[in-house]
N, C-alpha and C. Protein backbone atom coordinates (compact mmCIF):
# COMPACT_ATOMS: atom_id res chain seq x y z
N MET A 1 79.73 94.08 85.35
CA MET A 1 80.98 93.01 85.82
C MET A 1 81.21 94.50 86.87
N VAL A 2 82.47 93.86 87.30
CA VAL A 2 82.87 95.23 87.94
C VAL A 2 84.87 95.01 88.02
N ILE A 3 85.26 95.68 88.14
CA ILE A 3 86.56 96.01 87.60
C ILE A 3 87.15 97.15 89.39
N LEU A 4 88.88 97.26 88.85
CA LEU A 4 89.34 98.06 90.21
C LEU A 4 90.03 98.82 89.11
N PHE A 5 89.25 100.45 89.01
CA PHE A 5 89.95 101.37 88.39
C PHE A 5 90.43 102.64 88.97
N ILE A 6 91.74 103.04 88.75
CA ILE A 6 92.84 103.63 89.33
C ILE A 6 92.93 104.61 88.00
N ASN A 7 92.64 105.96 88.71
CA ASN A 7 92.64 106.79 87.98
C ASN A 7 93.67 107.86 88.33
N ASN A 8 94.83 108.15 87.93
CA ASN A 8 96.07 108.92 88.20
C ASN A 8 96.44 110.45 87.56
N HIS A 9 94.95 110.91 87.15
CA HIS A 9 94.56 112.00 86.71
C HIS A 9 94.48 112.63 87.65
N GLY A 10 94.80 114.47 87.78
CA GLY A 10 94.15 114.86 88.38
C GLY A 10 95.20 114.72 90.17
N GLY A 11 93.81 114.56 90.90
CA GLY A 11 94.00 114.36 92.66
C GLY A 11 94.40 112.97 92.42
N GLY A 12 93.85 111.92 91.74
CA GLY A 12 94.12 110.33 91.90
C GLY A 12 93.25 109.59 92.71
N PHE A 13 92.25 108.36 91.84
CA PHE A 13 91.96 108.14 93.02
C PHE A 13 91.67 106.13 92.85
N ALA A 14 91.46 105.57 93.58
CA ALA A 14 90.64 103.94 93.29
C ALA A 14 89.59 103.87 93.51
N ASP A 15 88.70 102.63 92.82
CA ASP A 15 87.30 102.61 93.42
C ASP A 15 87.14 101.26 92.70
N HIS A 16 85.88 100.24 93.18
CA HIS A 16 85.64 98.70 92.29
C HIS A 16 84.28 100.12 91.11
N ILE A 17 84.22 99.44 89.93
CA ILE A 17 83.07 100.73 89.24
C ILE A 17 82.51 99.30 88.52
N GLU A 18 81.42 99.89 87.81
CA GLU A 18 80.53 98.83 87.36
C GLU A 18 80.58 98.77 85.42
N VAL A 19 80.90 98.22 85.08
CA VAL A 19 81.16 98.10 83.61
C VAL A 19 80.11 97.27 82.69
N ALA A 20 80.00 97.30 82.24
CA ALA A 20 79.29 96.72 81.07
C ALA A 20 80.30 95.48 79.84
N GLU A 21 79.41 94.33 80.03
CA GLU A 21 80.58 93.57 79.27
C GLU A 21 80.58 93.76 77.97
N ALA A 22 82.33 93.27 77.74
CA ALA A 22 82.12 93.36 76.87
C ALA A 22 83.16 94.75 76.48
N THR A 23 83.35 95.95 77.77
CA THR A 23 83.86 96.83 77.31
C THR A 23 85.51 96.89 77.04
N THR A 24 85.48 97.48 76.42
CA THR A 24 87.39 98.07 75.70
C THR A 24 87.67 98.52 76.71
N VAL A 25 89.75 98.42 76.80
CA VAL A 25 89.69 99.73 77.10
C VAL A 25 89.41 100.62 76.77
N ALA A 26 89.17 101.21 75.33
CA ALA A 26 89.11 102.23 74.67
C ALA A 26 88.01 102.61 74.96
N ASP A 27 86.77 102.45 75.14
CA ASP A 27 85.54 102.44 76.00
C ASP A 27 85.41 102.98 77.29
N LEU A 28 86.12 102.27 78.12
CA LEU A 28 86.28 102.88 79.39
C LEU A 28 87.31 104.16 79.14
N PHE A 29 88.35 104.42 78.69
CA PHE A 29 88.94 105.66 78.22
C PHE A 29 87.76 107.02 78.08
N GLU A 30 87.79 106.61 77.07
CA GLU A 30 86.33 107.56 76.76
C GLU A 30 85.62 108.04 77.62
N GLU A 31 84.89 106.51 78.42
CA GLU A 31 83.91 107.14 79.18
C GLU A 31 84.41 108.01 80.76
N ARG A 32 85.28 107.82 80.99
CA ARG A 32 86.24 108.39 82.51
C ARG A 32 86.78 109.36 82.11
N LEU A 33 87.58 109.66 80.96
CA LEU A 33 88.42 110.70 81.43
C LEU A 33 88.02 111.40 79.59
N PRO A 34 86.98 112.22 79.48
CA PRO A 34 86.98 112.74 78.00
C PRO A 34 87.48 113.48 77.78
N GLY A 35 87.96 113.90 76.80
CA GLY A 35 88.21 115.38 76.29
C GLY A 35 89.95 115.04 76.42
N CYS A 36 90.32 113.87 76.47
CA CYS A 36 91.02 113.89 77.12
C CYS A 36 92.39 112.70 76.08
N ARG A 37 93.65 112.79 75.35
CA ARG A 37 93.81 111.95 74.01
C ARG A 37 94.28 110.87 75.48
N ALA A 38 94.18 109.57 74.51
CA ALA A 38 94.73 108.43 75.39
C ALA A 38 96.81 108.31 74.72
N GLU A 39 96.67 108.90 73.59
CA GLU A 39 98.65 108.68 73.67
C GLU A 39 99.37 110.01 74.85
N ASP A 40 98.31 110.50 75.30
CA ASP A 40 99.39 110.59 77.08
C ASP A 40 98.95 110.29 78.50
N PHE A 41 98.87 108.88 77.72
CA PHE A 41 98.37 107.98 79.41
C PHE A 41 99.56 107.15 79.27
N LEU A 42 99.78 106.22 80.11
CA LEU A 42 100.30 105.41 79.91
C LEU A 42 98.92 104.40 81.02
N ILE A 43 98.65 102.79 80.20
CA ILE A 43 97.27 102.23 80.55
C ILE A 43 96.89 100.98 80.46
N ARG A 44 96.96 100.69 81.66
CA ARG A 44 97.46 99.45 82.18
C ARG A 44 96.89 98.51 83.01
N VAL A 45 96.78 97.39 82.58
CA VAL A 45 95.65 96.41 82.85
C VAL A 45 96.12 95.35 84.07
N ASN A 46 96.07 94.94 84.27
CA ASN A 46 96.07 93.69 85.85
C ASN A 46 98.33 94.46 85.63
N ARG A 47 98.74 95.35 85.33
CA ARG A 47 100.09 95.98 85.79
C ARG A 47 100.87 95.82 84.41
N GLN A 48 99.97 95.27 83.39
CA GLN A 48 100.84 95.42 81.59
C GLN A 48 100.09 96.45 80.68
N PRO A 49 100.72 96.38 79.73
CA PRO A 49 100.25 97.97 78.79
C PRO A 49 98.86 96.80 78.17
N ALA A 50 98.32 97.85 78.43
CA ALA A 50 97.26 97.30 77.20
C ALA A 50 96.59 97.89 75.83
N SER A 51 96.61 97.28 74.71
CA SER A 51 95.92 97.86 74.15
C SER A 51 93.96 98.32 73.75
N ALA A 52 93.91 98.53 72.60
CA ALA A 52 92.60 99.93 72.89
C ALA A 52 91.69 98.83 72.47
N ASP A 53 91.72 97.99 71.88
CA ASP A 53 90.53 96.84 72.14
C ASP A 53 90.81 95.93 73.02
N GLN A 54 91.59 96.03 73.72
CA GLN A 54 91.07 94.72 74.79
C GLN A 54 90.41 94.62 75.66
N VAL A 55 89.66 93.92 75.89
CA VAL A 55 88.17 93.85 76.13
C VAL A 55 88.88 93.03 77.59
N LEU A 56 87.53 93.66 78.66
CA LEU A 56 87.99 94.18 80.19
C LEU A 56 87.50 92.63 80.81
N GLN A 57 87.91 92.28 81.62
CA GLN A 57 87.03 91.01 82.07
C GLN A 57 86.82 91.35 84.03
N ALA A 58 86.22 90.43 84.40
CA ALA A 58 85.13 91.44 85.76
C ALA A 58 86.63 90.87 86.63
N GLY A 59 87.04 91.96 87.55
CA GLY A 59 88.52 91.64 88.41
C GLY A 59 89.52 92.38 88.34
N ASP A 60 89.59 92.54 86.63
CA ASP A 60 90.63 93.67 86.33
C ASP A 60 90.70 94.54 87.23
N ARG A 61 92.09 95.14 86.63
CA ARG A 61 92.85 96.26 88.26
C ARG A 61 92.82 96.98 86.74
N VAL A 62 92.91 98.36 86.37
CA VAL A 62 92.83 99.52 85.20
C VAL A 62 93.46 100.38 85.76
N SER A 63 94.69 100.54 85.30
CA SER A 63 95.26 102.16 85.87
C SER A 63 95.60 103.05 84.45
N MET A 64 95.02 104.49 84.51
CA MET A 64 95.49 105.79 83.48
C MET A 64 96.17 105.79 84.10
N THR A 65 97.94 106.50 84.43
CA THR A 65 98.50 107.54 84.10
C THR A 65 99.18 108.56 83.02
N PRO A 66 98.90 110.03 83.10
CA PRO A 66 99.23 110.62 82.51
C PRO A 66 100.51 110.89 82.97
N THR A 67 101.48 110.98 80.99
CA THR A 67 103.02 110.75 81.12
C THR A 67 102.95 111.96 80.23
N LYS A 68 102.11 113.02 80.62
CA LYS A 68 101.94 115.15 80.60
C LYS A 68 101.53 115.19 81.29
N ILE A 69 102.11 116.23 81.97
CA ILE A 69 101.96 117.11 83.01
C ILE A 69 101.43 118.69 83.01
N GLU A 70 99.99 119.20 82.84
CA GLU A 70 99.89 119.92 82.38
C GLU A 70 101.01 121.26 83.31
N GLY A 71 101.61 121.91 82.77
CA GLY A 71 102.04 122.98 83.48
C GLY A 71 104.17 122.88 84.12
N ALA A 72 103.69 121.77 83.67
CA ALA A 72 105.59 121.53 84.18
C ALA A 72 106.49 120.96 82.47
N ARG A 73 107.62 121.88 82.81
CA ARG A 73 108.52 122.33 82.05
C ARG A 73 109.13 120.96 81.32
């Protein structure tokens, strides 16, 4: 299925991506931002806060925005 993924980490980008059926928010986070900690990000699905176990649906809009910026004081 296809979702819109908005990655605000680093340069940031938005793209339609293919994900497997029954993919959760946590699964997508691990796949797209390996080595990062979910607690350092504001994660939303369709502009609403999302739980880690939320199952994604076709057409969902997922954004992952860091709340902590490295090097900032």
